[in-house]
Amino acid sequence: MKTERGSATVELVLLTPVLMMLALFVVIAGRAGESQIQVHHAADQAARAASMVSPAAMQQAAESAAFGDLANNGVACIKAEVTVSFDDSRTSHSVTVSVECVVNRDGLDLLGLSERRVKANSTEVIDRWRVN
């Protein structure tokens, strides 16, 4: 009869790389989800901040709010970009802020994934009777 001595070691050696890759994919999926949440929250905060100032100061207020919010919420998102568009149509005024960033892949180079960008938009109506 043949012995099966050492077969568990061989199985472990064969399965370890597969389990490591699976764990890394779980980490990158978590970072992607977290960065999407962070970007959406930053866009909401930036749109609110931009709606509180004059149109000339909207870009600066939105960038300050978005970058501050992203800095306070962790490092799942890097290389952030903020764009502001002001709609001054006749019936209503609104500001739309778009925040876009790259998902942080520090420590996950083993997967060889390409850069993943996440983007979120938020629109705030500007109060007709605000003082500025």
C-alpha atoms as a PDB file:
ATOM      1  CA  MET A   1       0.000   0.000   0.000  1.00  0.00           C
ATOM      2  CA  LYS A   2       1.124   3.518  -0.779  1.00  0.00           C
ATOM      3  CA  THR A   3       1.275   6.050   2.008  1.00  0.00           C
ATOM      4  CA  GLU A   4      -0.267   9.470   1.729  1.00  0.00           C
ATOM      5  CA  ARG A   5       2.338  11.041   3.889  1.00  0.00           C
ATOM      6  CA  GLY A   6       3.116  14.627   2.817  1.00  0.00           C
ATOM      7  CA  SER A   7       0.032  15.051   0.625  1.00  0.00           C
ATOM      8  CA  ALA A   8      -1.389  17.763   2.903  1.00  0.00           C
ATOM      9  CA  THR A   9       1.833  19.730   2.511  1.00  0.00           C
ATOM     10  CA  VAL A  10       1.660  19.520  -1.266  1.00  0.00           C
ATOM     11  CA  GLU A  11      -1.976  20.624  -1.244  1.00  0.00           C
ATOM     12  CA  LEU A  12      -1.119  23.565   1.003  1.00  0.00           C
ATOM     13  CA  VAL A  13       1.764  24.615  -1.253  1.00  0.00           C
ATOM     14  CA  LEU A  14      -0.519  24.494  -4.304  1.00  0.00           C
ATOM     15  CA  LEU A  15      -3.428  26.352  -2.684  1.00  0.00           C
ATOM     16  CA  THR A  16      -1.501  29.116  -0.897  1.00  0.00           C
ATOM     17  CA  PRO A  17      -0.963  31.332  -4.004  1.00  0.00           C
ATOM     18  CA  VAL A  18      -4.619  30.982  -4.959  1.00  0.00           C
ATOM     19  CA  LEU A  19      -5.761  31.953  -1.466  1.00  0.00           C
ATOM     20  CA  MET A  20      -3.364  34.935  -1.412  1.00  0.00           C
ATOM     21  CA  MET A  21      -4.708  36.199  -4.757  1.00  0.00           C
ATOM     22  CA  LEU A  22      -8.265  35.813  -3.483  1.00  0.00           C
ATOM     23  CA  ALA A  23      -7.408  37.801  -0.355  1.00  0.00           C
ATOM     24  CA  LEU A  24      -5.822  40.574  -2.455  1.00  0.00           C
ATOM     25  CA  PHE A  25      -8.908  40.750  -4.683  1.00  0.00           C
ATOM     26  CA  VAL A  26     -11.078  41.145  -1.586  1.00  0.00           C
ATOM     27  CA  VAL A  27      -8.853  43.997  -0.400  1.00  0.00           C
ATOM     28  CA  ILE A  28      -8.980  45.829  -3.756  1.00  0.00           C
ATOM     29  CA  ALA A  29     -12.750  45.385  -3.953  1.00  0.00           C
ATOM     30  CA  GLY A  30     -13.077  46.852  -0.468  1.00  0.00           C
ATOM     31  CA  ARG A  31     -10.873  49.800  -1.351  1.00  0.00           C
ATOM     32  CA  ALA A  32     -12.847  50.451  -4.529  1.00  0.00           C
ATOM     33  CA  GLY A  33     -16.122  50.437  -2.613  1.00  0.00           C
ATOM     34  CA  GLU A  34     -14.741  52.638   0.139  1.00  0.00           C
ATOM     35  CA  SER A  35     -13.301  55.138  -2.334  1.00  0.00           C
ATOM     36  CA  GLN A  36     -16.667  55.363  -4.132  1.00  0.00           C
ATOM     37  CA  ILE A  37     -18.367  56.179  -0.824  1.00  0.00           C
ATOM     38  CA  GLN A  38     -15.664  58.734   0.042  1.00  0.00           C
ATOM     39  CA  VAL A  39     -15.917  60.431  -3.365  1.00  0.00           C
ATOM     40  CA  HIS A  40     -19.707  60.629  -3.166  1.00  0.00           C
ATOM     41  CA  HIS A  41     -19.561  62.151   0.311  1.00  0.00           C
ATOM     42  CA  ALA A  42     -16.861  64.616  -0.776  1.00  0.00           C
ATOM     43  CA  ALA A  43     -18.988  65.672  -3.772  1.00  0.00           C
ATOM     44  CA  ASP A  44     -21.985  66.257  -1.491  1.00  0.00           C
ATOM     45  CA  GLN A  45     -19.913  68.349   0.902  1.00  0.00           C
ATOM     46  CA  ALA A  46     -18.292  70.311  -1.926  1.00  0.00           C
ATOM     47  CA  ALA A  47     -21.634  71.081  -3.589  1.00  0.00           C
ATOM     48  CA  ARG A  48     -23.053  72.287  -0.291  1.00  0.00           C
ATOM     49  CA  ALA A  49     -20.012  74.504   0.328  1.00  0.00           C
ATOM     50  CA  ALA A  50     -20.146  75.907  -3.216  1.00  0.00           C
ATOM     51  CA  SER A  51     -23.838  76.729  -2.876  1.00  0.00           C
ATOM     52  CA  MET A  52     -23.119  78.922   0.147  1.00  0.00           C
ATOM     53  CA  VAL A  53     -20.721  81.353  -1.584  1.00  0.00           C
ATOM     54  CA  SER A  54     -20.788  83.704  -4.542  1.00  0.00           C
ATOM     55  CA  PRO A  55     -20.282  82.230  -8.031  1.00  0.00           C
ATOM     56  CA  ALA A  56     -16.758  83.671  -8.203  1.00  0.00           C
ATOM     57  CA  ALA A  57     -15.679  81.737  -5.099  1.00  0.00           C
ATOM     58  CA  MET A  58     -17.458  78.446  -5.869  1.00  0.00           C
ATOM     59  CA  GLN A  59     -14.459  76.577  -7.315  1.00  0.00           C
ATOM     60  CA  GLN A  60     -12.220  77.417  -4.370  1.00  0.00           C
ATOM     61  CA  ALA A  61     -14.901  76.575  -1.785  1.00  0.00           C
ATOM     62  CA  ALA A  62     -15.716  73.268  -3.484  1.00  0.00           C
ATOM     63  CA  GLU A  63     -12.070  72.225  -3.728  1.00  0.00           C
ATOM     64  CA  SER A  64     -11.425  73.137  -0.113  1.00  0.00           C
ATOM     65  CA  ALA A  65     -14.449  71.162   1.103  1.00  0.00           C
ATOM     66  CA  ALA A  66     -13.786  68.127  -1.106  1.00  0.00           C
ATOM     67  CA  PHE A  67     -10.069  67.862  -0.366  1.00  0.00           C
ATOM     68  CA  GLY A  68     -10.695  68.396   3.344  1.00  0.00           C
ATOM     69  CA  ASP A  69     -13.367  65.713   3.417  1.00  0.00           C
ATOM     70  CA  LEU A  70     -11.201  63.220   1.526  1.00  0.00           C
ATOM     71  CA  ALA A  71      -8.252  63.922   3.835  1.00  0.00           C
ATOM     72  CA  ASN A  72     -10.412  63.359   6.926  1.00  0.00           C
ATOM     73  CA  ASN A  73     -11.870  60.078   5.647  1.00  0.00           C
ATOM     74  CA  GLY A  74      -8.718  58.089   4.971  1.00  0.00           C
ATOM     75  CA  VAL A  75      -6.504  57.110   2.071  1.00  0.00           C
ATOM     76  CA  ALA A  76      -8.671  54.910  -0.159  1.00  0.00           C
ATOM     77  CA  CYS A  77      -8.678  57.700  -2.729  1.00  0.00           C
ATOM     78  CA  ILE A  78      -5.683  59.520  -4.269  1.00  0.00           C
ATOM     79  CA  LYS A  79      -5.169  62.116  -7.038  1.00  0.00           C
ATOM     80  CA  ALA A  80      -8.528  63.823  -6.560  1.00  0.00           C
ATOM     81  CA  GLU A  81      -9.910  66.329  -9.087  1.00  0.00           C
ATOM     82  CA  VAL A  82     -12.828  68.706  -8.481  1.00  0.00           C
ATOM     83  CA  THR A  83     -14.871  70.460 -11.166  1.00  0.00           C
ATOM     84  CA  VAL A  84     -17.696  72.924 -10.572  1.00  0.00           C
ATOM     85  CA  SER A  85     -20.446  73.985 -12.949  1.00  0.00           C
ATOM     86  CA  PHE A  86     -22.864  76.792 -12.142  1.00  0.00           C
ATOM     87  CA  ASP A  87     -26.317  76.777 -13.747  1.00  0.00           C
ATOM     88  CA  ASP A  88     -27.884  80.213 -13.650  1.00  0.00           C
ATOM     89  CA  SER A  89     -30.954  79.492 -15.723  1.00  0.00           C
ATOM     90  CA  ARG A  90     -33.935  81.766 -15.438  1.00  0.00           C
ATOM     91  CA  THR A  91     -36.078  79.590 -13.188  1.00  0.00           C
ATOM     92  CA  SER A  92     -33.538  78.250 -10.728  1.00  0.00           C
ATOM     93  CA  HIS A  93     -29.888  78.424  -9.841  1.00  0.00           C
ATOM     94  CA  SER A  94     -27.856  75.368  -8.991  1.00  0.00           C
ATOM     95  CA  VAL A  95     -24.275  74.249  -8.682  1.00  0.00           C
ATOM     96  CA  THR A  96     -23.035  70.798  -9.679  1.00  0.00           C
ATOM     97  CA  VAL A  97     -19.759  69.494  -8.325  1.00  0.00           C
ATOM     98  CA  SER A  98     -17.937  66.505  -9.768  1.00  0.00           C
ATOM     99  CA  VAL A  99     -15.218  64.766  -7.761  1.00  0.00           C
ATOM    100  CA  GLU A 100     -13.024  62.151  -9.410  1.00  0.00           C
ATOM    101  CA  CYS A 101     -10.103  60.209  -7.954  1.00  0.00           C
ATOM    102  CA  VAL A 102      -7.926  57.137  -8.351  1.00  0.00           C
ATOM    103  CA  VAL A 103      -8.342  54.141  -6.033  1.00  0.00           C
ATOM    104  CA  ASN A 104      -5.287  53.686  -3.819  1.00  0.00           C
ATOM    105  CA  ARG A 105      -3.502  50.439  -4.748  1.00  0.00           C
ATOM    106  CA  ASP A 106      -0.622  50.606  -2.253  1.00  0.00           C
ATOM    107  CA  GLY A 107       0.524  47.097  -1.411  1.00  0.00           C
ATOM    108  CA  LEU A 108      -1.501  45.486  -4.196  1.00  0.00           C
ATOM    109  CA  ASP A 109       0.994  45.651  -7.065  1.00  0.00           C
ATOM    110  CA  LEU A 110       1.122  41.854  -7.086  1.00  0.00           C
ATOM    111  CA  LEU A 111      -2.256  41.772  -8.847  1.00  0.00           C
ATOM    112  CA  GLY A 112      -1.066  43.853 -11.801  1.00  0.00           C
ATOM    113  CA  LEU A 113      -4.332  45.776 -12.030  1.00  0.00           C
ATOM    114  CA  SER A 114      -4.713  48.936 -14.041  1.00  0.00           C
ATOM    115  CA  GLU A 115      -5.595  52.281 -12.503  1.00  0.00           C
ATOM    116  CA  ARG A 116      -9.257  52.494 -11.421  1.00  0.00           C
ATOM    117  CA  ARG A 117     -10.972  55.884 -11.296  1.00  0.00           C
ATOM    118  CA  VAL A 118     -14.153  56.616  -9.389  1.00  0.00           C
ATOM    119  CA  LYS A 119     -16.371  59.640  -9.951  1.00  0.00           C
ATOM    120  CA  ALA A 120     -19.374  61.175  -8.227  1.00  0.00           C
ATOM    121  CA  ASN A 121     -21.554  64.204  -8.946  1.00  0.00           C
ATOM    122  CA  SER A 122     -23.692  66.200  -6.570  1.00  0.00           C
ATOM    123  CA  THR A 123     -26.050  69.084  -7.277  1.00  0.00           C
ATOM    124  CA  GLU A 124     -27.279  71.690  -4.810  1.00  0.00           C
ATOM    125  CA  VAL A 125     -29.966  74.273  -5.470  1.00  0.00           C
ATOM    126  CA  ILE A 126     -28.869  77.762  -4.571  1.00  0.00           C
ATOM    127  CA  ASP A 127     -31.244  79.606  -2.297  1.00  0.00           C
ATOM    128  CA  ARG A 128     -32.806  82.528  -4.121  1.00  0.00           C
ATOM    129  CA  TRP A 129     -32.802  84.736  -1.024  1.00  0.00           C
ATOM    130  CA  ARG A 130     -29.286  84.106   0.248  1.00  0.00           C
ATOM    131  CA  VAL A 131     -27.183  87.062   1.247  1.00  0.00           C
ATOM    132  CA  ASN A 132     -23.780  87.564  -0.398  1.00  0.00           C
END
